[in-house]
C-alpha cells in the first residue's frame, strides 16, 4: 500500500490500528484514541479540520468523538437511513468522494 501511494506522489507518515477486541479499549473505534495519538505525534494536525471517511457507523462515531467532519461511503452499508446524526456527507464509493474533492 505504501509503495503504491508513494508511486502516485503521496506519503503516509504513520498508520494507526487497534488489535484489541475489547470495546472499552480507548484505541478501538468508535473511541477516539487513535486520532488523539495521531494528534499527540503530529501537533500540527487540527482534528476540527480533518475528515473521517469510512463505510461503517463506528467510523462516523469515531470521527464525531474526535471532533472531525464525517464522510460515509455506502459500499458496505447502503441501507443506512439518511439523514443520520453522525454523517455529514455521503458518497456511493471512495472514488466518488475523491472526484468531488476541491
N, C-alpha and C. Protein backbone atom coordinates (compact mmCIF):
# COMPACT_ATOMS: atom_id res chain seq x y z
N UNK A 1 0.82 -1.18 0.00
CA UNK A 1 0.00 0.00 0.00
C UNK A 1 0.87 1.26 0.00
N UNK A 2 1.84 1.31 0.91
CA UNK A 2 2.69 2.50 0.98
C UNK A 2 3.41 2.76 -0.33
N UNK A 3 3.94 1.71 -0.95
CA UNK A 3 4.68 1.92 -2.19
C UNK A 3 3.76 2.40 -3.31
N UNK A 4 2.54 1.91 -3.36
CA UNK A 4 1.59 2.38 -4.38
C UNK A 4 1.24 3.84 -4.16
N UNK A 5 1.09 4.24 -2.92
CA UNK A 5 0.77 5.63 -2.60
C UNK A 5 1.95 6.53 -2.93
N UNK A 6 3.16 6.10 -2.57
CA UNK A 6 4.35 6.88 -2.90
C UNK A 6 4.55 6.98 -4.40
N UNK A 7 4.29 5.91 -5.11
CA UNK A 7 4.42 5.90 -6.57
C UNK A 7 3.47 6.92 -7.21
N UNK A 8 2.32 7.14 -6.57
CA UNK A 8 1.34 8.10 -7.07
C UNK A 8 1.61 9.52 -6.57
N UNK A 9 2.69 9.69 -5.79
CA UNK A 9 3.06 11.02 -5.31
C UNK A 9 2.59 11.33 -3.91
N UNK A 10 2.02 10.37 -3.22
CA UNK A 10 1.53 10.59 -1.86
C UNK A 10 2.53 10.13 -0.82
N UNK A 11 2.18 10.36 0.44
CA UNK A 11 3.05 9.97 1.54
C UNK A 11 2.20 9.67 2.77
N UNK A 12 2.52 8.58 3.44
CA UNK A 12 1.88 8.24 4.71
C UNK A 12 2.95 8.35 5.79
N UNK A 13 2.70 9.19 6.78
CA UNK A 13 3.66 9.36 7.86
C UNK A 13 3.56 8.26 8.91
N UNK A 14 2.36 7.77 9.16
CA UNK A 14 2.18 6.75 10.18
C UNK A 14 0.81 6.10 9.98
N UNK A 15 0.73 4.83 10.30
CA UNK A 15 -0.53 4.10 10.25
C UNK A 15 -0.90 3.70 11.67
N UNK A 16 -2.12 4.01 12.07
CA UNK A 16 -2.61 3.64 13.39
C UNK A 16 -3.64 2.53 13.25
N UNK A 17 -3.59 1.58 14.17
CA UNK A 17 -4.55 0.49 14.15
C UNK A 17 -4.71 -0.04 15.57
N UNK A 18 -5.79 -0.74 15.81
CA UNK A 18 -6.05 -1.32 17.12
C UNK A 18 -6.30 -2.81 16.96
N UNK A 19 -5.57 -3.61 17.71
CA UNK A 19 -5.73 -5.07 17.64
C UNK A 19 -6.64 -5.61 18.74
N UNK A 20 -7.02 -4.75 19.67
CA UNK A 20 -7.85 -5.19 20.79
C UNK A 20 -9.27 -5.49 20.33
N UNK A 21 -9.87 -6.52 20.92
CA UNK A 21 -11.28 -6.81 20.66
C UNK A 21 -12.17 -6.30 21.80
N UNK A 22 -11.54 -5.66 22.78
CA UNK A 22 -12.26 -5.10 23.92
C UNK A 22 -12.84 -3.74 23.51
N UNK A 23 -14.16 -3.63 23.48
CA UNK A 23 -14.81 -2.38 23.07
C UNK A 23 -14.49 -1.20 23.98
N UNK A 24 -13.99 -1.47 25.18
CA UNK A 24 -13.64 -0.39 26.10
C UNK A 24 -12.22 0.13 25.87
N UNK A 25 -11.45 -0.55 25.04
CA UNK A 25 -10.10 -0.09 24.72
C UNK A 25 -10.18 1.28 24.07
N UNK A 26 -9.41 2.25 24.57
CA UNK A 26 -9.50 3.63 24.09
C UNK A 26 -9.12 3.77 22.62
N UNK A 27 -8.35 2.82 22.09
CA UNK A 27 -7.96 2.89 20.68
C UNK A 27 -8.94 2.18 19.75
N UNK A 28 -9.89 1.45 20.30
CA UNK A 28 -10.84 0.73 19.45
C UNK A 28 -12.00 1.65 19.06
N UNK A 29 -12.24 1.74 17.75
CA UNK A 29 -13.36 2.57 17.29
C UNK A 29 -14.66 2.04 17.88
N UNK A 30 -15.55 2.91 18.28
CA UNK A 30 -15.60 4.33 17.96
C UNK A 30 -14.88 5.25 18.94
N UNK A 31 -14.13 4.70 19.89
CA UNK A 31 -13.38 5.54 20.81
C UNK A 31 -12.32 6.33 20.04
N UNK A 32 -11.99 7.55 20.48
CA UNK A 32 -11.12 8.43 19.69
C UNK A 32 -9.62 8.25 19.92
N UNK A 33 -9.21 7.19 20.59
CA UNK A 33 -7.81 7.02 20.96
C UNK A 33 -6.81 7.16 19.82
N UNK A 34 -7.06 6.51 18.69
CA UNK A 34 -6.10 6.58 17.57
C UNK A 34 -5.96 7.99 17.04
N UNK A 35 -7.06 8.73 16.97
CA UNK A 35 -6.99 10.11 16.49
C UNK A 35 -6.21 10.98 17.48
N UNK A 36 -6.43 10.76 18.76
CA UNK A 36 -5.73 11.55 19.76
C UNK A 36 -4.24 11.20 19.81
N UNK A 37 -3.90 9.94 19.56
CA UNK A 37 -2.47 9.57 19.47
C UNK A 37 -1.83 10.23 18.26
N UNK A 38 -2.54 10.30 17.15
CA UNK A 38 -2.01 10.97 15.96
C UNK A 38 -1.82 12.45 16.23
N UNK A 39 -2.77 13.07 16.91
CA UNK A 39 -2.66 14.49 17.26
C UNK A 39 -1.46 14.73 18.16
N UNK A 40 -1.21 13.83 19.10
CA UNK A 40 -0.07 13.97 20.00
C UNK A 40 1.25 13.82 19.25
N UNK A 41 1.29 12.95 18.27
CA UNK A 41 2.53 12.72 17.50
C UNK A 41 2.76 13.81 16.45
N UNK A 42 1.69 14.36 15.93
CA UNK A 42 1.77 15.37 14.87
C UNK A 42 0.98 16.60 15.34
N UNK A 43 1.65 17.47 16.08
CA UNK A 43 0.98 18.61 16.72
C UNK A 43 0.29 19.54 15.74
N UNK A 44 0.74 19.54 14.49
CA UNK A 44 0.14 20.43 13.50
C UNK A 44 -1.24 19.96 13.03
N UNK A 45 -1.60 18.74 13.37
CA UNK A 45 -2.91 18.21 12.97
C UNK A 45 -4.01 18.93 13.76
N UNK A 46 -4.99 19.44 13.04
CA UNK A 46 -6.16 20.06 13.65
C UNK A 46 -7.34 19.14 13.36
N UNK A 47 -7.76 18.39 14.35
CA UNK A 47 -8.83 17.41 14.13
C UNK A 47 -10.13 18.07 13.69
N UNK A 48 -10.35 19.33 14.07
CA UNK A 48 -11.57 20.01 13.64
C UNK A 48 -11.54 20.36 12.15
N UNK A 49 -10.36 20.25 11.54
CA UNK A 49 -10.22 20.48 10.10
C UNK A 49 -9.90 19.17 9.38
N UNK A 50 -10.10 18.06 10.06
CA UNK A 50 -9.81 16.74 9.50
C UNK A 50 -11.11 16.06 9.08
N UNK A 51 -10.98 15.10 8.17
CA UNK A 51 -12.14 14.38 7.66
C UNK A 51 -11.97 12.89 7.95
N UNK A 52 -12.98 12.29 8.54
CA UNK A 52 -13.02 10.84 8.71
C UNK A 52 -13.89 10.28 7.61
N UNK A 53 -13.29 9.47 6.74
CA UNK A 53 -14.03 8.81 5.67
C UNK A 53 -14.13 7.34 6.04
N UNK A 54 -15.33 6.80 6.05
CA UNK A 54 -15.49 5.40 6.41
C UNK A 54 -16.76 4.81 5.85
N UNK A 55 -16.87 3.49 6.01
CA UNK A 55 -18.03 2.78 5.47
C UNK A 55 -18.80 2.04 6.56
N UNK A 56 -18.64 2.51 7.80
CA UNK A 56 -19.33 1.89 8.92
C UNK A 56 -19.75 2.97 9.90
N UNK A 57 -20.83 2.77 10.60
CA UNK A 57 -21.28 3.76 11.56
C UNK A 57 -20.24 3.95 12.66
N UNK A 58 -19.49 2.91 13.02
CA UNK A 58 -18.45 3.08 14.04
C UNK A 58 -17.38 4.06 13.55
N UNK A 59 -17.13 4.13 12.25
CA UNK A 59 -16.20 5.12 11.70
C UNK A 59 -16.74 6.53 11.92
N UNK A 60 -18.05 6.69 11.74
CA UNK A 60 -18.67 8.00 11.91
C UNK A 60 -18.67 8.42 13.38
N UNK A 61 -18.94 7.47 14.27
CA UNK A 61 -18.89 7.74 15.70
C UNK A 61 -17.47 8.12 16.13
N UNK A 62 -16.48 7.42 15.58
CA UNK A 62 -15.07 7.74 15.84
C UNK A 62 -14.77 9.18 15.42
N UNK A 63 -15.19 9.52 14.20
CA UNK A 63 -14.95 10.88 13.71
C UNK A 63 -15.59 11.92 14.60
N UNK A 64 -16.84 11.69 14.98
CA UNK A 64 -17.54 12.63 15.87
C UNK A 64 -16.82 12.75 17.21
N UNK A 65 -16.43 11.60 17.79
CA UNK A 65 -15.76 11.61 19.09
C UNK A 65 -14.44 12.38 19.04
N UNK A 66 -13.80 12.40 17.87
CA UNK A 66 -12.53 13.11 17.71
C UNK A 66 -12.73 14.53 17.21
N UNK A 67 -13.97 14.93 16.96
CA UNK A 67 -14.25 16.29 16.51
C UNK A 67 -14.02 16.52 15.03
N UNK A 68 -14.11 15.45 14.22
CA UNK A 68 -13.87 15.54 12.79
C UNK A 68 -15.17 15.66 12.00
N UNK A 69 -15.03 16.13 10.76
CA UNK A 69 -16.10 16.10 9.76
C UNK A 69 -16.19 14.66 9.28
N UNK A 70 -17.39 14.14 9.07
CA UNK A 70 -17.52 12.73 8.71
C UNK A 70 -18.11 12.55 7.32
N UNK A 71 -17.51 11.63 6.57
CA UNK A 71 -17.96 11.28 5.23
C UNK A 71 -18.20 9.77 5.20
N UNK A 72 -19.42 9.41 4.86
CA UNK A 72 -19.81 8.00 4.82
C UNK A 72 -19.85 7.52 3.37
N UNK A 73 -19.18 6.40 3.10
CA UNK A 73 -19.28 5.76 1.78
C UNK A 73 -20.13 4.50 1.96
N UNK A 74 -21.11 4.34 1.09
CA UNK A 74 -22.15 3.32 1.27
C UNK A 74 -21.77 1.95 0.72
N UNK A 75 -20.49 1.68 0.54
CA UNK A 75 -20.06 0.43 -0.09
C UNK A 75 -20.47 -0.81 0.68
N UNK A 76 -20.53 -0.75 2.00
CA UNK A 76 -20.88 -1.95 2.77
C UNK A 76 -22.22 -1.83 3.49
N UNK A 77 -22.71 -0.62 3.67
CA UNK A 77 -23.98 -0.42 4.39
C UNK A 77 -24.89 0.52 3.62
N UNK A 78 -25.32 0.15 2.42
CA UNK A 78 -26.15 1.06 1.63
C UNK A 78 -27.53 1.33 2.24
N UNK A 79 -27.93 0.51 3.21
CA UNK A 79 -29.26 0.67 3.79
C UNK A 79 -29.31 1.65 4.96
N UNK A 80 -28.22 2.32 5.29
CA UNK A 80 -28.22 3.28 6.38
C UNK A 80 -29.21 4.40 6.07
N UNK A 81 -30.07 4.68 7.03
CA UNK A 81 -31.09 5.71 6.85
C UNK A 81 -30.47 7.10 6.94
N UNK A 82 -30.80 7.93 5.97
CA UNK A 82 -30.27 9.29 5.92
C UNK A 82 -31.44 10.27 5.96
N UNK A 83 -31.29 11.44 6.54
CA UNK A 83 -30.07 11.90 7.18
C UNK A 83 -29.78 11.14 8.47
N UNK A 84 -28.53 11.14 8.87
CA UNK A 84 -28.07 10.43 10.05
C UNK A 84 -27.30 11.42 10.92
N UNK A 85 -27.51 11.41 12.22
CA UNK A 85 -26.88 12.42 13.08
C UNK A 85 -25.35 12.38 13.11
N UNK A 86 -24.73 11.28 12.71
CA UNK A 86 -23.27 11.19 12.76
C UNK A 86 -22.62 11.34 11.40
N UNK A 87 -23.41 11.56 10.36
CA UNK A 87 -22.89 11.61 8.99
C UNK A 87 -23.08 13.01 8.42
N UNK A 88 -21.96 13.64 8.00
CA UNK A 88 -22.04 14.97 7.39
C UNK A 88 -22.27 14.91 5.89
N UNK A 89 -21.66 13.94 5.22
CA UNK A 89 -21.74 13.85 3.77
C UNK A 89 -21.70 12.39 3.36
N UNK A 90 -22.35 12.04 2.25
CA UNK A 90 -22.44 10.65 1.80
C UNK A 90 -22.01 10.54 0.35
N UNK A 91 -21.24 9.47 0.05
CA UNK A 91 -20.88 9.13 -1.32
C UNK A 91 -21.10 7.64 -1.51
N UNK A 92 -21.32 7.22 -2.74
CA UNK A 92 -21.53 5.81 -3.04
C UNK A 92 -20.27 4.97 -2.91
N UNK A 93 -19.11 5.59 -3.13
CA UNK A 93 -17.84 4.87 -3.03
C UNK A 93 -16.71 5.87 -2.84
N UNK A 94 -15.53 5.38 -2.58
CA UNK A 94 -14.38 6.23 -2.31
C UNK A 94 -13.97 7.03 -3.54
N UNK A 95 -14.07 6.44 -4.72
CA UNK A 95 -13.74 7.17 -5.95
C UNK A 95 -14.63 8.39 -6.13
N UNK A 96 -15.91 8.24 -5.83
CA UNK A 96 -16.85 9.36 -5.94
C UNK A 96 -16.46 10.47 -4.97
N UNK A 97 -16.05 10.11 -3.76
CA UNK A 97 -15.58 11.09 -2.79
C UNK A 97 -14.37 11.84 -3.34
N UNK A 98 -13.38 11.10 -3.82
CA UNK A 98 -12.15 11.71 -4.36
C UNK A 98 -12.47 12.63 -5.53
N UNK A 99 -13.36 12.20 -6.41
CA UNK A 99 -13.74 13.02 -7.57
C UNK A 99 -14.39 14.34 -7.17
N UNK A 100 -14.92 14.42 -5.96
CA UNK A 100 -15.59 15.63 -5.51
C UNK A 100 -14.73 16.50 -4.60
N UNK A 101 -13.47 16.14 -4.42
CA UNK A 101 -12.57 16.99 -3.64
C UNK A 101 -12.29 18.27 -4.42
N UNK A 102 -12.16 19.40 -3.71
CA UNK A 102 -11.88 20.67 -4.42
C UNK A 102 -10.49 20.68 -5.03
